N, C-alpha and C. Protein backbone atom coordinates (compact mmCIF):
# COMPACT_ATOMS: atom_id res chain seq x y z
N UNK A 1 93.70 107.02 99.21
CA UNK A 1 93.12 106.63 97.94
C UNK A 1 94.07 105.68 97.21
N UNK A 2 93.55 104.54 96.91
CA UNK A 2 94.36 103.54 96.23
C UNK A 2 94.68 103.97 94.81
N UNK A 3 93.74 104.67 94.17
CA UNK A 3 93.95 105.08 92.78
C UNK A 3 95.16 106.00 92.63
N UNK A 4 95.46 106.79 93.66
CA UNK A 4 96.64 107.67 93.59
C UNK A 4 97.91 106.84 93.51
N UNK A 5 97.99 105.78 94.30
CA UNK A 5 99.19 104.94 94.25
C UNK A 5 99.32 104.23 92.90
N UNK A 6 98.19 103.86 92.32
CA UNK A 6 98.23 103.23 90.99
C UNK A 6 98.71 104.23 89.94
N UNK A 7 98.25 105.47 90.04
CA UNK A 7 98.69 106.49 89.10
C UNK A 7 100.18 106.79 89.26
N UNK A 8 100.66 106.81 90.50
CA UNK A 8 102.08 107.02 90.74
C UNK A 8 102.91 105.91 90.11
N UNK A 9 102.45 104.67 90.26
CA UNK A 9 103.15 103.53 89.66
C UNK A 9 103.13 103.62 88.14
N UNK A 10 102.01 104.04 87.58
CA UNK A 10 101.91 104.18 86.13
C UNK A 10 102.86 105.27 85.61
N UNK A 11 102.96 106.38 86.35
CA UNK A 11 103.87 107.45 85.94
C UNK A 11 105.32 106.97 85.97
N UNK A 12 105.68 106.22 87.00
CA UNK A 12 107.03 105.69 87.10
C UNK A 12 107.33 104.72 85.95
N UNK A 13 106.36 103.88 85.62
CA UNK A 13 106.55 102.91 84.54
C UNK A 13 106.74 103.62 83.20
N UNK A 14 105.96 104.64 82.96
CA UNK A 14 106.09 105.39 81.70
C UNK A 14 107.43 106.10 81.64
N UNK A 15 107.85 106.69 82.76
CA UNK A 15 109.15 107.36 82.79
C UNK A 15 110.29 106.38 82.49
N UNK A 16 110.18 105.18 83.01
CA UNK A 16 111.21 104.15 82.73
C UNK A 16 111.23 103.79 81.25
N UNK A 17 110.04 103.66 80.66
CA UNK A 17 109.97 103.33 79.23
C UNK A 17 110.57 104.44 78.37
N UNK A 18 110.27 105.68 78.72
CA UNK A 18 110.79 106.83 77.97
C UNK A 18 112.31 106.88 78.09
N UNK A 19 112.83 106.67 79.30
CA UNK A 19 114.28 106.68 79.49
C UNK A 19 114.95 105.55 78.72
N UNK A 20 114.31 104.39 78.71
CA UNK A 20 114.86 103.26 77.96
C UNK A 20 114.92 103.59 76.47
N UNK A 21 113.90 104.23 75.96
CA UNK A 21 113.90 104.62 74.55
C UNK A 21 114.98 105.67 74.26
N UNK A 22 115.14 106.61 75.18
CA UNK A 22 116.15 107.65 74.97
C UNK A 22 117.56 107.08 74.90
N UNK A 23 117.82 106.08 75.74
CA UNK A 23 119.17 105.52 75.80
C UNK A 23 119.41 104.39 74.81
N UNK A 24 118.39 104.00 74.08
CA UNK A 24 118.53 102.91 73.10
C UNK A 24 119.26 103.45 71.86
N UNK A 25 120.47 103.00 71.67
CA UNK A 25 121.30 103.48 70.56
C UNK A 25 120.95 102.83 69.22
N UNK A 26 120.19 101.75 69.25
CA UNK A 26 119.86 101.06 68.01
C UNK A 26 118.72 101.72 67.24
N UNK A 27 118.01 102.63 67.87
CA UNK A 27 116.89 103.30 67.22
C UNK A 27 117.31 104.66 66.67
N UNK A 28 116.75 105.00 65.52
CA UNK A 28 117.00 106.32 64.97
C UNK A 28 116.13 107.34 65.71
N UNK A 29 116.40 108.60 65.49
CA UNK A 29 115.62 109.64 66.18
C UNK A 29 114.15 109.61 65.79
N UNK A 30 113.87 109.34 64.52
CA UNK A 30 112.47 109.30 64.10
C UNK A 30 111.75 108.10 64.72
N UNK A 31 112.44 106.98 64.86
CA UNK A 31 111.83 105.81 65.51
C UNK A 31 111.56 106.10 66.98
N UNK A 32 112.49 106.78 67.62
CA UNK A 32 112.30 107.15 69.02
C UNK A 32 111.09 108.07 69.17
N UNK A 33 110.99 109.04 68.25
CA UNK A 33 109.85 109.96 68.29
C UNK A 33 108.53 109.22 68.13
N UNK A 34 108.49 108.28 67.20
CA UNK A 34 107.26 107.52 66.95
C UNK A 34 106.84 106.73 68.18
N UNK A 35 107.80 106.17 68.87
CA UNK A 35 107.48 105.34 70.04
C UNK A 35 107.22 106.18 71.29
N UNK A 36 107.86 107.34 71.37
CA UNK A 36 107.71 108.15 72.57
C UNK A 36 106.46 109.02 72.57
N UNK A 37 105.98 109.42 71.43
CA UNK A 37 104.82 110.31 71.37
C UNK A 37 103.59 109.74 72.09
N UNK A 38 103.20 108.49 71.83
CA UNK A 38 102.04 107.96 72.57
C UNK A 38 102.31 107.86 74.08
N UNK A 39 103.55 107.53 74.44
CA UNK A 39 103.89 107.44 75.85
C UNK A 39 103.79 108.80 76.54
N UNK A 40 104.25 109.83 75.87
CA UNK A 40 104.20 111.16 76.46
C UNK A 40 102.77 111.67 76.56
N UNK A 41 101.95 111.34 75.59
CA UNK A 41 100.53 111.71 75.67
C UNK A 41 99.86 111.01 76.85
N UNK A 42 100.14 109.72 76.98
CA UNK A 42 99.59 108.96 78.09
C UNK A 42 100.07 109.51 79.43
N UNK A 43 101.34 109.88 79.48
CA UNK A 43 101.91 110.45 80.69
C UNK A 43 101.21 111.75 81.08
N UNK A 44 100.93 112.56 80.10
CA UNK A 44 100.26 113.84 80.36
C UNK A 44 98.87 113.62 80.96
N UNK A 45 98.13 112.67 80.42
CA UNK A 45 96.78 112.37 80.92
C UNK A 45 96.85 111.81 82.34
N UNK A 46 97.79 110.92 82.58
CA UNK A 46 97.92 110.32 83.91
C UNK A 46 98.34 111.37 84.93
N UNK A 47 99.25 112.26 84.56
CA UNK A 47 99.67 113.31 85.48
C UNK A 47 98.51 114.25 85.81
N UNK A 48 97.69 114.56 84.83
CA UNK A 48 96.54 115.43 85.09
C UNK A 48 95.55 114.74 86.02
N UNK A 49 95.30 113.46 85.80
CA UNK A 49 94.40 112.71 86.67
C UNK A 49 94.96 112.64 88.09
N UNK A 50 96.26 112.46 88.21
CA UNK A 50 96.93 112.42 89.51
C UNK A 50 96.77 113.75 90.24
N UNK A 51 97.02 114.85 89.54
CA UNK A 51 96.87 116.17 90.14
C UNK A 51 95.43 116.42 90.57
N UNK A 52 94.48 116.01 89.75
CA UNK A 52 93.07 116.20 90.08
C UNK A 52 92.69 115.41 91.34
N UNK A 53 93.14 114.16 91.41
CA UNK A 53 92.81 113.35 92.58
C UNK A 53 93.48 113.87 93.84
N UNK A 54 94.71 114.34 93.71
CA UNK A 54 95.39 114.92 94.88
C UNK A 54 94.65 116.17 95.36
N UNK A 55 94.20 116.98 94.43
CA UNK A 55 93.44 118.17 94.80
C UNK A 55 92.14 117.78 95.53
N UNK A 56 91.44 116.80 94.98
CA UNK A 56 90.20 116.36 95.61
C UNK A 56 90.43 115.74 96.98
N UNK A 57 91.56 115.06 97.13
CA UNK A 57 91.88 114.47 98.42
C UNK A 57 92.13 115.56 99.46
N UNK A 58 92.84 116.60 99.04
CA UNK A 58 93.16 117.70 99.96
C UNK A 58 91.97 118.64 100.16
N UNK A 59 91.11 118.75 99.16
CA UNK A 59 89.96 119.66 99.21
C UNK A 59 88.68 118.90 98.84
N UNK A 60 88.19 118.08 99.73
CA UNK A 60 86.98 117.30 99.39
C UNK A 60 85.78 118.22 99.19
N UNK A 61 84.84 117.80 98.36
CA UNK A 61 83.64 118.61 98.13
C UNK A 61 82.87 118.80 99.45
N UNK A 62 82.36 119.99 99.64
CA UNK A 62 81.66 120.28 100.90
C UNK A 62 80.24 119.73 100.91
N UNK A 63 79.60 119.67 99.76
CA UNK A 63 78.21 119.21 99.70
C UNK A 63 78.18 117.73 99.34
N UNK A 64 77.65 116.88 100.22
CA UNK A 64 77.59 115.45 99.89
C UNK A 64 76.54 115.12 98.84
N UNK A 65 75.71 116.09 98.48
CA UNK A 65 74.63 115.85 97.52
C UNK A 65 75.06 115.87 96.07
N UNK A 66 76.32 116.15 95.81
CA UNK A 66 76.81 116.16 94.44
C UNK A 66 76.93 117.56 93.89
N UNK A 67 77.00 117.66 92.59
CA UNK A 67 77.21 118.93 91.90
C UNK A 67 75.94 119.78 91.96
N UNK A 68 76.13 121.04 92.28
CA UNK A 68 75.00 121.96 92.38
C UNK A 68 75.09 123.06 91.32
N UNK A 69 75.80 122.79 90.25
CA UNK A 69 75.98 123.80 89.21
C UNK A 69 74.65 124.20 88.58
N UNK A 70 73.71 123.29 88.51
CA UNK A 70 72.43 123.59 87.91
C UNK A 70 71.63 124.63 88.67
N UNK A 71 71.91 124.79 89.96
CA UNK A 71 71.19 125.77 90.75
C UNK A 71 71.53 127.19 90.32
N UNK A 72 72.71 127.40 89.81
CA UNK A 72 73.17 128.72 89.47
C UNK A 72 72.92 129.09 88.02
N UNK A 73 72.46 128.15 87.24
CA UNK A 73 72.18 128.38 85.83
C UNK A 73 70.87 129.14 85.68
N UNK A 74 70.86 130.15 84.85
CA UNK A 74 69.63 130.89 84.62
C UNK A 74 68.75 130.09 83.68
N UNK A 75 67.48 130.16 83.91
CA UNK A 75 66.53 129.44 83.08
C UNK A 75 66.46 130.13 81.72
N UNK A 76 66.74 129.38 80.65
CA UNK A 76 66.75 129.95 79.30
C UNK A 76 65.35 130.26 78.79
N UNK A 77 64.33 129.74 79.39
CA UNK A 77 62.96 129.91 78.90
C UNK A 77 62.37 131.24 79.34
N UNK A 78 63.01 131.95 80.22
CA UNK A 78 62.45 133.22 80.70
C UNK A 78 62.40 134.28 79.65
């Protein structure tokens, strides 16, 4: 899956940015926090997407017809 390699590259890029901010002596702690918070949020989302895709790669869906969750739902009109 090409998307997994793109997510890996994105995670590495974010880690580099965070490290650069941590080692930047010209910024105060509050400035570092302001700049790092969006990066860390983005990192969390990318890591979750990466884990999900890795899981799907290792455990592909068995039914090629798509999601069958509706089959197990009880009819509310009964």
